[in-house]
Amino acid sequence: MLKVALITSGIVAISIALLCIKLIVKPNGKFTSMHISDNREMKKRGIHCVQSMDRMMRRENPHKVKERV
């Protein structure tokens, strides 16, 4: 049982080290932002996060035609 725990701990430690290589090697290294609104290609296509898109769709349209009731 102890052998399996040590092997598992070793695999987890190696995995964490491999994930952190960019952070350790590069000065001021950091993970890139995973937010849609921070992605350059998504900005080009006009795609934003769901909350921003919902907020934009709920805004009052200043160009709407006023109707009589």
N, C-alpha and C. Protein backbone atom coordinates (compact mmCIF):
# COMPACT_ATOMS: atom_id res chain seq x y z
N MET A 1 0.82 -1.19 0.00
CA MET A 1 0.00 0.00 0.00
C MET A 1 0.87 1.26 0.00
N LEU A 2 1.95 1.23 0.77
CA LEU A 2 2.85 2.38 0.84
C LEU A 2 3.52 2.61 -0.51
N LYS A 3 3.82 1.54 -1.21
CA LYS A 3 4.46 1.64 -2.52
C LYS A 3 3.55 2.37 -3.52
N VAL A 4 2.27 2.04 -3.51
CA VAL A 4 1.31 2.68 -4.41
C VAL A 4 1.17 4.16 -4.06
N ALA A 5 1.13 4.49 -2.78
CA ALA A 5 1.01 5.88 -2.34
C ALA A 5 2.23 6.69 -2.78
N LEU A 6 3.42 6.13 -2.67
CA LEU A 6 4.64 6.83 -3.10
C LEU A 6 4.67 7.03 -4.61
N ILE A 7 4.27 6.03 -5.36
CA ILE A 7 4.23 6.15 -6.82
C ILE A 7 3.23 7.23 -7.24
N THR A 8 2.05 7.21 -6.60
CA THR A 8 1.02 8.20 -6.90
C THR A 8 1.52 9.61 -6.55
N SER A 9 2.16 9.75 -5.40
CA SER A 9 2.70 11.06 -5.00
C SER A 9 3.75 11.54 -5.99
N GLY A 10 4.58 10.64 -6.46
CA GLY A 10 5.60 10.98 -7.44
C GLY A 10 5.00 11.45 -8.76
N ILE A 11 3.98 10.75 -9.22
CA ILE A 11 3.32 11.12 -10.48
C ILE A 11 2.66 12.50 -10.34
N VAL A 12 2.01 12.75 -9.20
CA VAL A 12 1.37 14.05 -8.98
C VAL A 12 2.42 15.15 -8.93
N ALA A 13 3.54 14.92 -8.26
CA ALA A 13 4.60 15.93 -8.16
C ALA A 13 5.19 16.24 -9.53
N ILE A 14 5.42 15.22 -10.33
CA ILE A 14 5.95 15.44 -11.68
C ILE A 14 4.95 16.21 -12.53
N SER A 15 3.68 15.88 -12.42
CA SER A 15 2.64 16.58 -13.19
C SER A 15 2.59 18.06 -12.83
N ILE A 16 2.63 18.36 -11.55
CA ILE A 16 2.61 19.76 -11.11
C ILE A 16 3.85 20.49 -11.59
N ALA A 17 5.00 19.86 -11.53
CA ALA A 17 6.23 20.48 -12.00
C ALA A 17 6.16 20.78 -13.50
N LEU A 18 5.62 19.85 -14.28
CA LEU A 18 5.51 20.07 -15.72
C LEU A 18 4.52 21.19 -16.03
N LEU A 19 3.45 21.30 -15.27
CA LEU A 19 2.49 22.38 -15.48
C LEU A 19 3.07 23.75 -15.12
N CYS A 20 4.03 23.78 -14.23
CA CYS A 20 4.58 25.05 -13.75
C CYS A 20 5.87 25.46 -14.46
N ILE A 21 6.31 24.73 -15.47
CA ILE A 21 7.56 25.06 -16.16
C ILE A 21 7.55 26.48 -16.68
N LYS A 22 6.46 26.89 -17.31
CA LYS A 22 6.37 28.25 -17.86
C LYS A 22 6.47 29.28 -16.75
N LEU A 23 5.85 29.01 -15.62
CA LEU A 23 5.90 29.95 -14.51
C LEU A 23 7.29 30.05 -13.89
N ILE A 24 8.00 28.93 -13.88
CA ILE A 24 9.31 28.89 -13.24
C ILE A 24 10.39 29.45 -14.15
N VAL A 25 10.38 29.09 -15.43
CA VAL A 25 11.46 29.44 -16.35
C VAL A 25 11.40 30.90 -16.81
N LYS A 26 10.23 31.37 -17.19
CA LYS A 26 10.10 32.73 -17.71
C LYS A 26 10.08 33.75 -16.58
N PRO A 27 10.77 34.86 -16.75
CA PRO A 27 10.61 35.93 -15.76
C PRO A 27 9.22 36.54 -15.92
N ASN A 28 8.56 36.77 -14.84
CA ASN A 28 7.17 37.27 -14.84
C ASN A 28 6.24 36.34 -15.62
N GLY A 29 6.55 35.07 -15.65
CA GLY A 29 5.71 34.11 -16.36
C GLY A 29 4.38 33.95 -15.65
N LYS A 30 3.32 33.86 -16.42
CA LYS A 30 2.00 33.66 -15.85
C LYS A 30 1.14 32.93 -16.87
N PHE A 31 0.08 32.33 -16.41
CA PHE A 31 -0.84 31.67 -17.32
C PHE A 31 -1.62 32.72 -18.07
N THR A 32 -1.94 32.44 -19.32
CA THR A 32 -2.74 33.37 -20.10
C THR A 32 -4.17 33.37 -19.59
N SER A 33 -4.85 34.45 -19.82
CA SER A 33 -6.23 34.58 -19.37
C SER A 33 -7.13 33.63 -20.16
N MET A 34 -8.05 33.00 -19.50
CA MET A 34 -8.96 32.07 -20.15
C MET A 34 -10.32 32.69 -20.42
N HIS A 35 -10.47 33.98 -20.14
CA HIS A 35 -11.74 34.65 -20.37
C HIS A 35 -11.93 34.92 -21.86
N ILE A 36 -13.15 34.75 -22.32
CA ILE A 36 -13.45 34.95 -23.74
C ILE A 36 -13.19 36.38 -24.15
N SER A 37 -13.52 37.32 -23.28
CA SER A 37 -13.36 38.74 -23.63
C SER A 37 -11.89 39.15 -23.74
N ASP A 38 -10.97 38.36 -23.23
CA ASP A 38 -9.54 38.66 -23.34
C ASP A 38 -8.88 38.02 -24.55
N ASN A 39 -9.61 37.21 -25.30
CA ASN A 39 -9.07 36.51 -26.45
C ASN A 39 -9.15 37.40 -27.69
N ARG A 40 -8.03 37.58 -28.36
CA ARG A 40 -7.92 38.48 -29.52
C ARG A 40 -8.83 38.03 -30.66
N GLU A 41 -8.86 36.75 -30.96
CA GLU A 41 -9.67 36.24 -32.07
C GLU A 41 -11.16 36.40 -31.78
N MET A 42 -11.56 36.20 -30.55
CA MET A 42 -12.97 36.37 -30.20
C MET A 42 -13.38 37.83 -30.33
N LYS A 43 -12.47 38.75 -29.97
CA LYS A 43 -12.77 40.18 -30.12
C LYS A 43 -12.96 40.54 -31.58
N LYS A 44 -12.14 39.97 -32.47
CA LYS A 44 -12.27 40.24 -33.91
C LYS A 44 -13.64 39.81 -34.42
N ARG A 45 -14.16 38.72 -33.90
CA ARG A 45 -15.44 38.18 -34.34
C ARG A 45 -16.63 38.80 -33.61
N GLY A 46 -16.35 39.66 -32.63
CA GLY A 46 -17.42 40.31 -31.89
C GLY A 46 -18.09 39.42 -30.87
N ILE A 47 -17.38 38.40 -30.40
CA ILE A 47 -17.94 37.47 -29.42
C ILE A 47 -17.44 37.87 -28.03
N HIS A 48 -18.37 37.98 -27.10
CA HIS A 48 -18.04 38.33 -25.72
C HIS A 48 -18.56 37.23 -24.81
N CYS A 49 -18.34 37.38 -23.52
CA CYS A 49 -18.85 36.38 -22.58
C CYS A 49 -20.37 36.48 -22.52
N VAL A 50 -21.01 35.46 -22.02
CA VAL A 50 -22.46 35.37 -22.01
C VAL A 50 -23.06 36.52 -21.22
N GLN A 51 -22.47 36.88 -20.10
CA GLN A 51 -23.02 37.95 -19.28
C GLN A 51 -22.96 39.29 -20.01
N SER A 52 -21.87 39.55 -20.71
CA SER A 52 -21.75 40.80 -21.46
C SER A 52 -22.72 40.82 -22.63
N MET A 53 -22.86 39.71 -23.33
CA MET A 53 -23.78 39.63 -24.46
C MET A 53 -25.22 39.85 -23.98
N ASP A 54 -25.59 39.26 -22.85
CA ASP A 54 -26.93 39.43 -22.30
C ASP A 54 -27.17 40.89 -21.92
N ARG A 55 -26.19 41.51 -21.29
CA ARG A 55 -26.31 42.91 -20.90
C ARG A 55 -26.49 43.80 -22.13
N MET A 56 -25.76 43.53 -23.21
CA MET A 56 -25.87 44.32 -24.44
C MET A 56 -27.24 44.13 -25.09
N MET A 57 -27.77 42.91 -25.06
CA MET A 57 -29.06 42.64 -25.70
C MET A 57 -30.22 43.27 -24.92
N ARG A 58 -30.07 43.45 -23.62
CA ARG A 58 -31.13 44.00 -22.79
C ARG A 58 -31.15 45.53 -22.79
N ARG A 59 -30.12 46.16 -23.34
CA ARG A 59 -30.09 47.62 -23.39
C ARG A 59 -31.22 48.18 -24.22
N GLU A 60 -31.67 49.34 -23.86
CA GLU A 60 -32.72 50.04 -24.60
C GLU A 60 -32.15 50.50 -25.94
N ASN A 61 -32.87 50.26 -27.02
CA ASN A 61 -32.43 50.65 -28.35
C ASN A 61 -32.79 52.12 -28.58
N PRO A 62 -31.78 53.00 -28.77
CA PRO A 62 -32.08 54.42 -28.96
C PRO A 62 -32.69 54.70 -30.34
N HIS A 63 -32.64 53.78 -31.28
CA HIS A 63 -33.12 53.98 -32.63
C HIS A 63 -34.49 53.35 -32.88
N LYS A 64 -35.11 52.84 -31.84
CA LYS A 64 -36.40 52.16 -32.05
C LYS A 64 -37.48 53.18 -32.40
N VAL A 65 -38.49 52.71 -33.10
CA VAL A 65 -39.62 53.55 -33.50
C VAL A 65 -40.61 53.58 -32.34
N LYS A 66 -41.00 54.80 -31.96
CA LYS A 66 -41.97 54.93 -30.89
C LYS A 66 -43.36 54.62 -31.43
N GLU A 67 -44.07 53.72 -30.79
CA GLU A 67 -45.39 53.31 -31.25
C GLU A 67 -46.48 53.93 -30.38
N ARG A 68 -47.60 54.19 -30.97
CA ARG A 68 -48.74 54.69 -30.20
C ARG A 68 -49.52 53.50 -29.66
N VAL A 69 -50.06 53.68 -28.49
CA VAL A 69 -50.84 52.60 -27.88
C VAL A 69 -52.30 52.93 -27.92
